[in-house]
Amino acid sequence: MLAIATPASAAQEASDIYWNAQRQEITGRGDEALKSYAKLLARSPDSEAAANNLLNAAVREGSFIDALAAVKAAQRAKQADSDAPLLILADAFRRKKLGEADRTLTDLEAAGDFAFMMPMLKGWLNVAQGRDSGVDASTFQSSGLTAYYSDDQLIYFDLAERNIAQAKLRLRNFRGYDEPHGRFLAGHAMGEFSRNGDAEFASALGRQIGLDAGNYATPPVTPELGLAMLFARLGLALGEQGQPQKALYFARIANWIAPTSDAAKLSLAELFDQHELDAKASMLLKAIAPTSPFWTQSIVNQTQLAAAPAQAVAIARAASEMQPASSQLKLLYAQTLEKAERRDQAITVYRSLLAQDAGGANGPRRAVYLLLLASALDANGDWDSARNALEDAAVLDPKNAQILNYLGYSLLERRIDVTRGFDLVSKAHQLAPQSAAITDSLGWAHFLRGETDAAIPLLERAVKGAIADVAINEHLGDAYWASGRRTEARFAWKAAALAAEGNVAERLTRKIDFGWTKETAAP
């Protein structure tokens, strides 16, 4: 006779499946955990926990089918999150079932969910259906949130609808190139302008995101790509807002809608990194080809994921050798060498970078290279050469606050020329008054001139901007001590000692115990 499972035994079986899936997750067997969660949902189709666990596992492992099954199960049980229809929308776009996409948008609009996205979602559906998008600048002013997330979307619509002249005008006025979504936009637009015979503007876009001249290939902007870039941007924003699970969900939707998009891969890799899923992030980054405008960024990210400094050096060196004309990759190689404490080699690479750029007309860029060379030389004990590099950098870019501050503070620190050091850090502070490091330099310059009353307010302001900085807290403690505020001095030194190491930690301990002396003065 066949035994019939009792409710109790069925519950026990579901519990066993769940805990087995949990063990598989913990031990890094994500694909096996995914199968177990799918089995669990099949056993308990009305379970909210089963649907949520399957969805999270599917997002991590990249199984669109399982993610869709989880969302639909949650919808049937009326337990789905408000963002569930967005996955249904992605499914409709993937399958080119635009009637289904239209109905999903109607349901979303009726529910009032994600209203800020609605103009963009409707626009991409219109373009996918061969109609005019129906969007312009005024369309995206319905709310502040819509306006904020549409600055790049408006240009994607122009590119998709072949409004190239309008796209060019908007790209000239775009101000977000230093943000990920702006770099993605520039990369995609480069391909469009290259295909339209405007190599000069394509190169100008490349320079906006730090790329050297080259023939970079990107696919045409399609409704799928435009929609994916919206989800990618939202995913990164949610990550910054401390919502890691939702962030990963949105970034994965972007990847599912446009699986060949390198920008979507970069976004998803960033979120995997935040989840400490380094292997998955690395796999995505390695899938980006050297012909892509996003390859250099993928190499930067790979060096950041590297398990050891030597591995980061190897990645950067290989990339630089593959594209020897790329100053950005050579710069990355030098910086990884520095982090690996191979300063002699880093200095050599910095010098070769300057030699490579010898004919360049970009003074500020060359000044930055000189600043980095100076920093490496200084750390390597060659102050004279470092000073020469800094002096040259200051001539090339006399309004670079970092260069002026480094040179000025170094003169103060070494007591070489306190008057000139004071003038340099004063100018740096005028250029960048918000910088805690520069504010500290100016405060310390006042202190060294015996102007303790002027120094303390500046040093206090610097501490507020960099509350855990060892040097700034020590400087403030010294200034307090000099003004007779002995208790506050010890509190400042204790704050500095929290993160201090080596000789600095020993010096701070002596100050806390015995007070300031010439032997324990901060450099």
Protein backbone atom coordinates (compact mmCIF):
# COMPACT_ATOMS: atom_id res chain seq x y z
CA MET A 1 0.00 0.00 0.00
CA LEU A 2 1.14 3.56 -0.74
CA ALA A 3 1.68 5.80 2.27
CA ILE A 4 -0.11 9.17 2.07
CA ALA A 5 1.87 12.11 3.49
CA THR A 6 0.20 13.69 6.49
CA PRO A 7 0.13 17.51 6.84
CA ALA A 8 2.73 17.21 9.56
CA SER A 9 5.12 15.21 7.37
CA ALA A 10 4.57 17.63 4.44
CA ALA A 11 5.46 20.56 6.72
CA GLN A 12 8.54 18.71 7.91
CA GLU A 13 9.57 18.06 4.31
CA ALA A 14 9.20 21.77 3.45
CA SER A 15 11.24 22.67 6.53
CA ASP A 16 13.97 20.24 5.49
CA ILE A 17 14.09 21.73 1.99
CA TYR A 18 14.33 25.26 3.42
CA TRP A 19 17.19 24.48 5.80
CA ASN A 20 19.00 22.53 3.11
CA ALA A 21 18.76 25.57 0.83
CA GLN A 22 20.08 27.77 3.63
CA ARG A 23 23.09 25.49 4.11
CA GLN A 24 23.75 25.51 0.37
CA GLU A 25 23.70 29.31 0.35
CA ILE A 26 26.03 29.60 3.32
CA THR A 27 28.52 27.19 1.76
CA GLY A 28 28.56 29.07 -1.54
CA ARG A 29 26.50 26.61 -3.59
CA GLY A 30 24.14 29.24 -4.92
CA ASP A 31 22.97 27.22 -7.92
CA GLU A 32 21.98 24.32 -5.67
CA ALA A 33 20.22 26.69 -3.26
CA LEU A 34 18.25 28.09 -6.19
CA LYS A 35 17.02 24.61 -7.12
CA SER A 36 16.04 23.94 -3.52
CA TYR A 37 14.08 27.20 -3.24
CA ALA A 38 12.30 26.38 -6.50
CA LYS A 39 11.39 22.98 -5.06
CA LEU A 40 10.21 24.66 -1.86
CA LEU A 41 7.91 27.02 -3.78
CA ALA A 42 6.49 24.07 -5.70
CA ARG A 43 5.67 22.40 -2.35
CA SER A 44 4.31 25.61 -0.80
CA PRO A 45 3.01 27.83 -3.63
CA ASP A 46 1.23 30.19 -1.22
CA SER A 47 4.29 30.74 0.99
CA GLU A 48 5.53 34.34 0.96
CA ALA A 49 8.86 33.22 2.41
CA ALA A 50 9.31 30.59 -0.30
CA ALA A 51 8.59 33.13 -3.05
CA ASN A 52 10.93 35.75 -1.54
CA ASN A 53 13.79 33.30 -1.07
CA LEU A 54 13.42 32.01 -4.62
CA LEU A 55 13.35 35.55 -6.02
CA ASN A 56 16.47 36.58 -4.10
CA ALA A 57 18.33 33.45 -5.18
CA ALA A 58 17.20 33.89 -8.79
CA VAL A 59 18.45 37.49 -8.80
CA ARG A 60 21.84 36.40 -7.45
CA GLU A 61 22.19 33.46 -9.84
CA GLY A 62 20.68 35.18 -12.87
CA SER A 63 17.74 32.84 -13.46
CA PHE A 64 15.02 34.94 -15.05
CA ILE A 65 12.63 31.98 -15.26
CA ASP A 66 12.81 31.34 -11.53
CA ALA A 67 12.53 35.04 -10.69
CA LEU A 68 9.42 35.31 -12.84
CA ALA A 69 7.93 32.19 -11.22
CA ALA A 70 8.54 33.66 -7.76
CA VAL A 71 6.95 37.00 -8.62
CA LYS A 72 3.90 35.40 -10.24
CA ALA A 73 3.43 33.10 -7.24
CA ALA A 74 3.57 36.09 -4.91
CA GLN A 75 1.04 37.94 -7.09
CA ARG A 76 -1.36 35.00 -7.04
CA ALA A 77 -1.11 34.88 -3.26
CA LYS A 78 -1.56 38.70 -3.16
CA GLN A 79 1.77 38.99 -1.33
CA ALA A 80 3.87 40.57 -4.07
CA ASP A 81 5.89 43.74 -3.51
CA SER A 82 4.87 46.86 -5.41
CA ASP A 83 7.85 46.47 -7.74
CA ALA A 84 6.73 43.00 -8.93
CA PRO A 85 5.07 44.36 -12.12
CA LEU A 86 8.42 45.78 -13.20
CA LEU A 87 9.72 42.26 -13.70
CA ILE A 88 6.55 41.40 -15.63
CA LEU A 89 7.24 44.44 -17.78
CA ALA A 90 10.81 43.28 -18.37
CA ASP A 91 9.48 39.87 -19.41
CA ALA A 92 7.12 41.46 -21.93
CA PHE A 93 9.95 43.53 -23.42
CA ARG A 94 12.21 40.48 -23.60
CA ARG A 95 9.57 38.48 -25.47
CA LYS A 96 8.48 41.46 -27.62
CA LYS A 97 4.95 41.05 -26.22
CA LEU A 98 4.26 44.76 -26.23
CA GLY A 99 0.52 44.36 -25.66
CA GLU A 100 1.33 42.66 -22.37
CA ALA A 101 3.74 45.47 -21.55
CA ASP A 102 0.99 48.00 -22.23
CA ARG A 103 -1.42 46.22 -19.87
CA THR A 104 1.26 46.04 -17.17
CA LEU A 105 1.85 49.79 -17.43
CA THR A 106 -1.88 50.40 -17.21
CA ASP A 107 -2.03 48.34 -13.99
CA LEU A 108 1.01 50.15 -12.57
CA GLU A 109 -0.47 53.53 -13.35
CA ALA A 110 -3.81 52.58 -11.81
CA ALA A 111 -2.06 51.45 -8.63
CA GLY A 112 -0.10 54.71 -8.47
CA ASP A 113 3.17 52.83 -8.04
CA PHE A 114 6.40 54.19 -9.51
CA ALA A 115 4.63 57.23 -10.90
CA PHE A 116 7.95 59.03 -11.39
CA MET A 117 9.02 56.32 -13.88
CA MET A 118 5.79 56.33 -15.85
CA PRO A 119 6.69 58.95 -18.51
CA MET A 120 9.90 57.08 -19.29
CA LEU A 121 8.27 53.64 -19.31
CA LYS A 122 5.49 54.85 -21.61
CA GLY A 123 8.01 56.55 -23.86
CA TRP A 124 10.05 53.38 -24.35
CA LEU A 125 6.92 51.34 -25.00
CA ASN A 126 5.91 53.86 -27.67
CA VAL A 127 9.31 53.65 -29.36
CA ALA A 128 9.25 49.82 -29.19
CA GLN A 129 5.85 49.91 -30.93
CA GLY A 130 7.24 52.09 -33.71
CA ARG A 131 5.54 55.26 -32.53
CA ASP A 132 6.90 58.63 -31.46
CA SER A 133 8.05 58.49 -27.86
CA GLY A 134 5.88 61.46 -26.97
CA VAL A 135 8.50 62.82 -24.58
CA ASP A 136 10.31 66.12 -24.45
CA ALA A 137 11.91 68.19 -21.71
CA SER A 138 8.54 69.35 -20.39
CA THR A 139 7.28 65.75 -20.14
CA PHE A 140 9.82 65.02 -17.43
CA GLN A 141 8.98 67.99 -15.22
CA SER A 142 5.93 66.32 -13.65
CA SER A 143 7.90 65.79 -10.43
CA GLY A 144 11.32 66.51 -9.03
CA LEU A 145 12.10 62.78 -8.95
CA THR A 146 11.10 62.35 -12.60
CA ALA A 147 13.23 65.32 -13.61
CA TYR A 148 16.22 64.02 -11.66
CA TYR A 149 16.19 60.55 -13.23
CA SER A 150 15.41 61.73 -16.75
CA ASP A 151 18.39 63.93 -17.63
CA ASP A 152 20.13 61.03 -19.37
CA GLN A 153 16.90 59.36 -20.48
CA LEU A 154 15.93 62.34 -22.60
CA ILE A 155 19.15 61.93 -24.59
CA TYR A 156 18.66 58.17 -24.91
CA PHE A 157 15.26 58.92 -26.47
CA ASP A 158 16.91 61.33 -28.92
CA LEU A 159 19.46 58.69 -29.90
CA ALA A 160 16.88 55.93 -30.25
CA GLU A 161 14.63 58.15 -32.39
CA ARG A 162 17.60 59.35 -34.50
CA ASN A 163 17.30 62.95 -33.34
CA ILE A 164 21.09 63.17 -33.56
CA ALA A 165 21.41 66.95 -33.74
CA GLN A 166 19.18 67.37 -30.68
CA ALA A 167 21.14 64.67 -28.84
CA LYS A 168 24.39 66.46 -29.62
CA LEU A 169 23.08 69.73 -28.24
CA ARG A 170 21.85 68.07 -25.05
CA LEU A 171 25.11 66.16 -24.63
CA ARG A 172 27.02 69.44 -24.81
CA ASN A 173 24.94 70.78 -21.94
CA PHE A 174 24.87 67.56 -19.89
CA ARG A 175 26.47 67.93 -16.44
CA GLY A 176 26.53 64.38 -15.12
CA TYR A 177 29.58 62.87 -16.80
CA ASP A 178 31.30 62.30 -13.46
CA GLU A 179 28.44 60.00 -12.36
CA PRO A 180 28.07 56.35 -13.49
CA HIS A 181 24.90 57.05 -15.47
CA GLY A 182 26.67 59.93 -17.24
CA ARG A 183 29.64 57.75 -18.16
CA PHE A 184 27.25 55.10 -19.48
CA LEU A 185 25.46 57.72 -21.56
CA ALA A 186 28.72 59.05 -23.03
CA GLY A 187 29.88 55.53 -23.89
CA HIS A 188 26.67 54.67 -25.72
CA ALA A 189 26.56 58.04 -27.49
CA MET A 190 30.15 57.56 -28.71
CA GLY A 191 29.04 54.58 -30.75
CA GLU A 192 26.10 56.47 -32.23
CA PHE A 193 28.21 59.45 -33.31
CA SER A 194 30.95 57.21 -34.69
CA ARG A 195 28.39 55.42 -36.84
CA ASN A 196 27.08 58.79 -38.02
CA GLY A 197 30.53 59.88 -39.17
CA ASP A 198 31.14 62.37 -36.35
CA ALA A 199 34.35 60.91 -34.99
CA GLU A 200 35.41 64.26 -33.54
CA PHE A 201 32.38 64.51 -31.27
CA ALA A 202 32.68 60.82 -30.37
CA SER A 203 36.27 61.49 -29.24
CA ALA A 204 35.14 64.53 -27.25
CA LEU A 205 32.63 62.33 -25.43
CA GLY A 206 35.40 59.84 -24.75
CA ARG A 207 37.53 62.54 -23.17
CA GLN A 208 34.62 63.43 -20.90
CA ILE A 209 34.90 59.97 -19.33
CA GLY A 210 38.70 59.75 -19.44
CA LEU A 211 39.15 57.64 -22.57
CA ASP A 212 42.02 58.08 -24.99
CA ALA A 213 41.26 58.25 -28.69
CA GLY A 214 40.15 54.92 -30.11
CA ASN A 215 37.48 53.10 -32.05
CA TYR A 216 35.01 51.97 -29.43
CA ALA A 217 32.05 49.83 -30.38
CA THR A 218 28.64 50.10 -28.74
CA PRO A 219 25.35 48.75 -30.04
CA PRO A 220 22.66 51.12 -31.32
CA VAL A 221 20.40 52.61 -28.67
CA THR A 222 17.20 50.57 -28.62
CA PRO A 223 14.14 50.72 -26.36
CA GLU A 224 15.54 47.75 -24.47
CA LEU A 225 18.87 49.50 -23.89
CA GLY A 226 17.24 52.78 -22.86
CA LEU A 227 14.96 50.99 -20.42
CA ALA A 228 17.87 48.94 -19.06
CA MET A 229 19.86 52.11 -18.38
CA LEU A 230 16.96 53.47 -16.34
CA PHE A 231 16.91 50.34 -14.19
CA ALA A 232 20.70 50.32 -13.89
CA ARG A 233 20.70 53.91 -12.64
CA LEU A 234 17.95 53.18 -10.13
CA GLY A 235 19.83 50.11 -8.92
CA LEU A 236 22.99 52.08 -8.22
CA ALA A 237 20.96 54.81 -6.51
CA LEU A 238 19.24 52.28 -4.25
CA GLY A 239 22.64 50.86 -3.36
CA GLU A 240 23.78 54.31 -2.24
CA GLN A 241 20.57 54.68 -0.23
CA GLY A 242 21.28 51.54 1.82
CA GLN A 243 18.78 49.21 0.14
CA PRO A 244 21.12 46.49 -1.12
CA GLN A 245 18.55 43.80 -1.95
CA LYS A 246 16.32 46.14 -3.96
CA ALA A 247 19.40 47.63 -5.60
CA LEU A 248 20.55 44.22 -6.79
CA TYR A 249 17.01 43.44 -8.05
CA PHE A 250 16.88 46.58 -10.20
CA ALA A 251 20.42 46.09 -11.54
CA ARG A 252 19.60 42.49 -12.43
CA ILE A 253 16.45 43.58 -14.27
CA ALA A 254 18.65 45.91 -16.32
CA ASN A 255 20.92 42.98 -17.14
CA TRP A 256 17.96 40.77 -18.06
CA ILE A 257 16.42 43.40 -20.36
CA ALA A 258 19.73 44.11 -22.16
CA PRO A 259 21.99 41.09 -21.48
CA THR A 260 24.67 42.22 -23.96
CA SER A 261 24.96 45.72 -22.46
CA ASP A 262 28.38 46.29 -20.91
CA ALA A 263 26.98 49.20 -18.90
CA ALA A 264 24.36 46.90 -17.37
CA LYS A 265 27.14 44.43 -16.54
CA LEU A 266 29.14 47.15 -14.81
CA SER A 267 26.13 48.18 -12.73
CA LEU A 268 25.35 44.63 -11.70
CA ALA A 269 29.01 43.95 -10.89
CA GLU A 270 29.05 47.02 -8.62
CA LEU A 271 26.05 45.71 -6.71
CA PHE A 272 27.56 42.22 -6.48
CA ASP A 273 30.65 43.85 -5.00
CA GLN A 274 28.49 45.55 -2.36
CA HIS A 275 27.01 42.13 -1.53
CA GLU A 276 30.56 40.69 -1.28
CA LEU A 277 29.83 38.39 -4.23
CA ASP A 278 33.26 39.06 -5.71
CA ALA A 279 33.40 36.01 -7.96
CA LYS A 280 30.15 36.96 -9.67
CA ALA A 281 31.29 40.57 -10.05
CA SER A 282 34.61 39.49 -11.52
CA MET A 283 32.91 37.18 -14.03
CA LEU A 284 30.77 40.03 -15.33
CA LEU A 285 33.71 42.42 -15.57
CA LYS A 286 35.83 39.92 -17.48
CA ALA A 287 33.02 39.55 -20.03
CA ILE A 288 33.54 43.16 -21.19
CA ALA A 289 35.73 43.27 -24.32
CA PRO A 290 38.67 45.67 -24.92
CA THR A 291 36.74 47.18 -27.85
CA SER A 292 34.09 48.50 -25.45
CA PRO A 293 34.24 52.06 -24.07
CA PHE A 294 33.44 50.45 -20.72
CA TRP A 295 36.46 48.12 -20.74
CA THR A 296 38.81 50.54 -18.96
CA GLN A 297 36.31 50.94 -16.12
CA SER A 298 35.98 47.16 -15.94
CA ILE A 299 39.76 46.89 -15.50
CA VAL A 300 39.71 49.53 -12.73
CA ASN A 301 36.99 47.57 -10.98
CA GLN A 302 38.86 44.29 -11.39
CA THR A 303 41.91 45.76 -9.68
CA GLN A 304 39.69 46.87 -6.80
CA LEU A 305 38.30 43.34 -6.49
CA ALA A 306 41.75 41.75 -6.56
CA ALA A 307 42.49 39.54 -3.57
CA ALA A 308 46.04 40.88 -3.19
CA PRO A 309 48.04 43.92 -4.38
CA ALA A 310 50.18 41.72 -6.63
CA GLN A 311 47.07 40.47 -8.40
CA ALA A 312 45.87 44.05 -8.96
CA VAL A 313 49.28 44.92 -10.43
CA ALA A 314 49.11 41.96 -12.81
CA ILE A 315 45.64 42.96 -14.03
CA ALA A 316 46.65 46.59 -14.60
CA ARG A 317 49.94 45.67 -16.27
CA ALA A 318 48.25 43.26 -18.70
CA ALA A 319 45.63 45.85 -19.63
CA SER A 320 48.26 48.57 -20.12
CA GLU A 321 50.31 46.29 -22.35
CA MET A 322 47.19 45.48 -24.38
CA GLN A 323 46.51 49.19 -24.97
CA PRO A 324 49.92 50.88 -24.56
CA ALA A 325 48.64 54.23 -25.86
CA SER A 326 46.11 54.49 -23.03
CA SER A 327 47.33 56.99 -20.44
CA GLN A 328 44.44 56.03 -18.16
CA LEU A 329 45.55 52.39 -18.03
CA LYS A 330 49.20 53.37 -17.55
CA LEU A 331 48.12 55.63 -14.68
CA LEU A 332 46.17 52.74 -13.15
CA TYR A 333 49.23 50.51 -13.46
CA ALA A 334 51.40 53.05 -11.62
CA GLN A 335 48.82 53.44 -8.85
CA THR A 336 48.54 49.68 -8.31
CA LEU A 337 52.33 49.51 -8.07
CA GLU A 338 52.26 52.19 -5.39
CA LYS A 339 49.64 50.32 -3.40
CA ALA A 340 51.81 47.22 -3.64
CA GLU A 341 54.67 49.34 -2.20
CA ARG A 342 56.70 48.94 -5.38
CA ARG A 343 57.42 52.65 -5.53
CA ASP A 344 60.58 52.51 -7.65
CA GLN A 345 58.60 50.82 -10.41
CA ALA A 346 55.67 53.20 -9.92
CA ILE A 347 57.99 56.19 -10.31
CA THR A 348 59.32 54.73 -13.55
CA VAL A 349 55.79 54.33 -14.91
CA TYR A 350 54.82 57.86 -13.84
CA ARG A 351 57.89 59.21 -15.65
CA SER A 352 57.01 57.23 -18.79
CA LEU A 353 53.48 58.61 -18.58
CA LEU A 354 54.87 62.15 -18.49
CA ALA A 355 57.16 61.35 -21.42
CA GLN A 356 54.23 59.94 -23.37
CA ASP A 357 52.25 63.10 -22.65
CA ALA A 358 55.17 65.45 -23.40
CA GLY A 359 53.52 66.95 -26.46
CA GLY A 360 50.10 67.30 -24.87
CA ALA A 361 48.46 70.66 -24.56
CA ASN A 362 46.51 69.70 -21.44
CA GLY A 363 48.44 71.45 -18.68
CA PRO A 364 46.09 70.54 -15.82
CA ARG A 365 46.25 66.84 -16.74
CA ARG A 366 50.05 66.90 -16.87
CA ALA A 367 50.05 68.74 -13.55
CA VAL A 368 48.09 65.85 -11.99
CA TYR A 369 50.66 63.37 -13.31
CA LEU A 370 53.40 65.48 -11.73
CA LEU A 371 51.48 65.58 -8.44
CA LEU A 372 51.23 61.78 -8.40
CA LEU A 373 54.92 61.45 -9.27
CA ALA A 374 55.79 63.87 -6.47
CA SER A 375 53.76 61.87 -3.98
CA ALA A 376 55.56 58.66 -4.93
CA LEU A 377 58.98 60.34 -4.82
CA ASP A 378 58.21 61.89 -1.43
CA ALA A 379 57.08 58.55 0.00
CA ASN A 380 60.26 57.03 -1.41
CA GLY A 381 62.42 59.53 0.50
CA ASP A 382 63.41 61.74 -2.44
CA TRP A 383 62.01 65.11 -1.32
CA ASP A 384 64.21 67.22 -3.59
CA SER A 385 62.87 65.52 -6.73
CA ALA A 386 59.37 65.59 -5.30
CA ARG A 387 59.61 69.33 -4.71
CA ASN A 388 60.80 69.94 -8.26
CA ALA A 389 57.83 67.97 -9.60
CA LEU A 390 55.42 69.94 -7.39
CA GLU A 391 56.92 73.27 -8.45
CA ASP A 392 56.49 72.28 -12.11
CA ALA A 393 52.92 71.17 -11.42
CA ALA A 394 52.07 74.47 -9.72
CA VAL A 395 53.30 76.37 -12.79
CA LEU A 396 51.20 74.22 -15.13
CA ASP A 397 48.05 74.50 -13.01
CA PRO A 398 48.29 77.40 -10.54
CA LYS A 399 44.64 76.93 -9.51
CA ASN A 400 44.92 73.30 -8.47
CA ALA A 401 44.22 73.43 -4.73
CA GLN A 402 45.65 69.94 -4.10
CA ILE A 403 48.99 70.82 -5.67
CA LEU A 404 49.26 74.14 -3.81
CA ASN A 405 48.30 72.48 -0.54
CA TYR A 406 50.77 69.60 -0.94
CA LEU A 407 53.64 71.94 -1.76
CA GLY A 408 52.70 74.49 0.89
CA TYR A 409 52.14 71.93 3.66
CA SER A 410 55.41 70.19 2.79
CA LEU A 411 57.30 73.48 3.15
CA LEU A 412 55.58 74.04 6.51
CA GLU A 413 56.15 70.49 7.70
CA ARG A 414 59.86 70.63 6.93
CA ARG A 415 60.15 74.23 8.24
CA ILE A 416 61.86 75.08 4.92
CA ASP A 417 59.93 78.22 4.10
CA VAL A 418 57.06 78.84 6.50
CA THR A 419 56.15 82.17 4.90
CA ARG A 420 55.79 80.75 1.40
CA GLY A 421 54.11 77.64 2.77
CA PHE A 422 51.54 79.85 4.48
CA ASP A 423 50.90 81.76 1.24
CA LEU A 424 50.42 78.56 -0.74
CA VAL A 425 47.99 76.90 1.70
CA SER A 426 46.10 80.20 2.04
CA LYS A 427 45.57 80.25 -1.72
CA ALA A 428 44.62 76.57 -1.68
CA HIS A 429 42.04 77.29 1.01
CA GLN A 430 40.57 80.11 -1.05
CA LEU A 431 40.19 77.69 -3.96
CA ALA A 432 38.78 74.79 -1.90
CA PRO A 433 37.47 76.04 1.46
CA GLN A 434 35.36 72.91 1.89
CA SER A 435 38.40 70.59 2.01
CA ALA A 436 39.15 69.33 5.53
CA ALA A 437 42.77 68.56 4.62
CA ILE A 438 43.38 72.03 3.22
CA THR A 439 41.60 73.70 6.14
CA ASP A 440 43.89 71.72 8.46
CA SER A 441 46.93 72.92 6.53
CA LEU A 442 45.91 76.55 6.92
CA GLY A 443 45.16 76.08 10.61
CA TRP A 444 48.53 74.42 11.12
CA ALA A 445 50.24 77.22 9.20
CA HIS A 446 48.72 79.75 11.61
CA PHE A 447 49.87 77.61 14.53
CA LEU A 448 53.46 77.49 13.27
CA ARG A 449 53.40 81.28 12.98
CA GLY A 450 52.38 81.50 16.63
CA GLU A 451 48.80 82.54 15.75
CA THR A 452 47.07 79.96 17.93
CA ASP A 453 43.81 81.91 18.26
CA ALA A 454 43.45 81.93 14.46
CA ALA A 455 44.54 78.28 14.18
CA ILE A 456 42.03 76.68 16.56
CA PRO A 457 38.76 77.59 14.72
CA LEU A 458 40.23 76.31 11.45
CA LEU A 459 41.48 73.08 13.01
CA GLU A 460 38.11 72.54 14.72
CA ARG A 461 36.38 72.99 11.37
CA ALA A 462 38.81 70.53 9.77
CA VAL A 463 38.08 67.91 12.43
CA LYS A 464 34.34 68.22 11.74
CA GLY A 465 35.04 67.46 8.10
CA ALA A 466 37.34 64.50 8.85
CA ILE A 467 36.49 63.36 12.33
CA ALA A 468 38.73 60.26 12.33
CA ASP A 469 41.81 61.83 10.72
CA VAL A 470 44.89 61.21 12.88
CA ALA A 471 46.97 64.22 11.80
CA ILE A 472 44.14 66.73 12.03
CA ASN A 473 43.14 65.61 15.53
CA GLU A 474 46.78 65.74 16.64
CA HIS A 475 47.19 69.23 15.25
CA LEU A 476 44.09 70.37 17.12
CA GLY A 477 45.38 68.81 20.33
CA ASP A 478 48.70 70.64 19.98
CA ALA A 479 46.90 73.93 19.41
CA TYR A 480 44.65 73.36 22.43
CA TRP A 481 47.70 72.61 24.58
CA ALA A 482 49.46 75.77 23.44
CA SER A 483 46.41 77.84 24.37
CA GLY A 484 46.24 76.30 27.85
CA ARG A 485 43.24 74.03 27.15
CA ARG A 486 45.02 70.93 28.48
CA THR A 487 41.99 68.66 29.02
CA GLU A 488 40.65 69.32 25.52
CA ALA A 489 44.12 68.70 24.13
CA ARG A 490 44.20 65.21 25.64
CA PHE A 491 40.72 64.46 24.27
CA ALA A 492 41.89 65.48 20.77
CA TRP A 493 45.04 63.35 21.08
CA LYS A 494 42.97 60.39 22.25
CA ALA A 495 40.75 60.81 19.17
CA ALA A 496 43.89 60.79 17.02
CA ALA A 497 45.28 57.73 18.82
CA LEU A 498 42.22 55.62 17.90
CA ALA A 499 43.49 55.10 14.36
CA ALA A 500 47.20 55.87 14.79
CA GLU A 501 49.91 53.29 14.17
CA GLY A 502 53.65 52.87 14.71
CA ASN A 503 55.70 55.90 15.74
CA VAL A 504 52.69 58.20 15.57
CA ALA A 505 50.80 56.03 18.05
CA GLU A 506 53.80 56.05 20.42
CA ARG A 507 54.13 59.83 20.17
CA LEU A 508 50.44 60.33 20.94
CA THR A 509 50.66 58.01 23.94
CA ARG A 510 53.51 60.11 25.36
CA LYS A 511 51.50 63.29 24.77
CA ILE A 512 48.45 61.90 26.51
CA ASP A 513 50.56 60.77 29.47
CA PHE A 514 53.03 63.66 29.79
CA GLY A 515 51.72 66.51 27.68
CA TRP A 516 53.27 68.38 24.75
CA THR A 517 57.05 68.72 24.55
CA LYS A 518 59.41 69.64 21.74
CA GLU A 519 60.16 65.95 21.32
CA THR A 520 56.48 65.03 20.89
CA ALA A 521 55.49 67.97 18.66
CA ALA A 522 53.48 67.03 15.59
CA PRO A 523 55.40 67.29 12.33
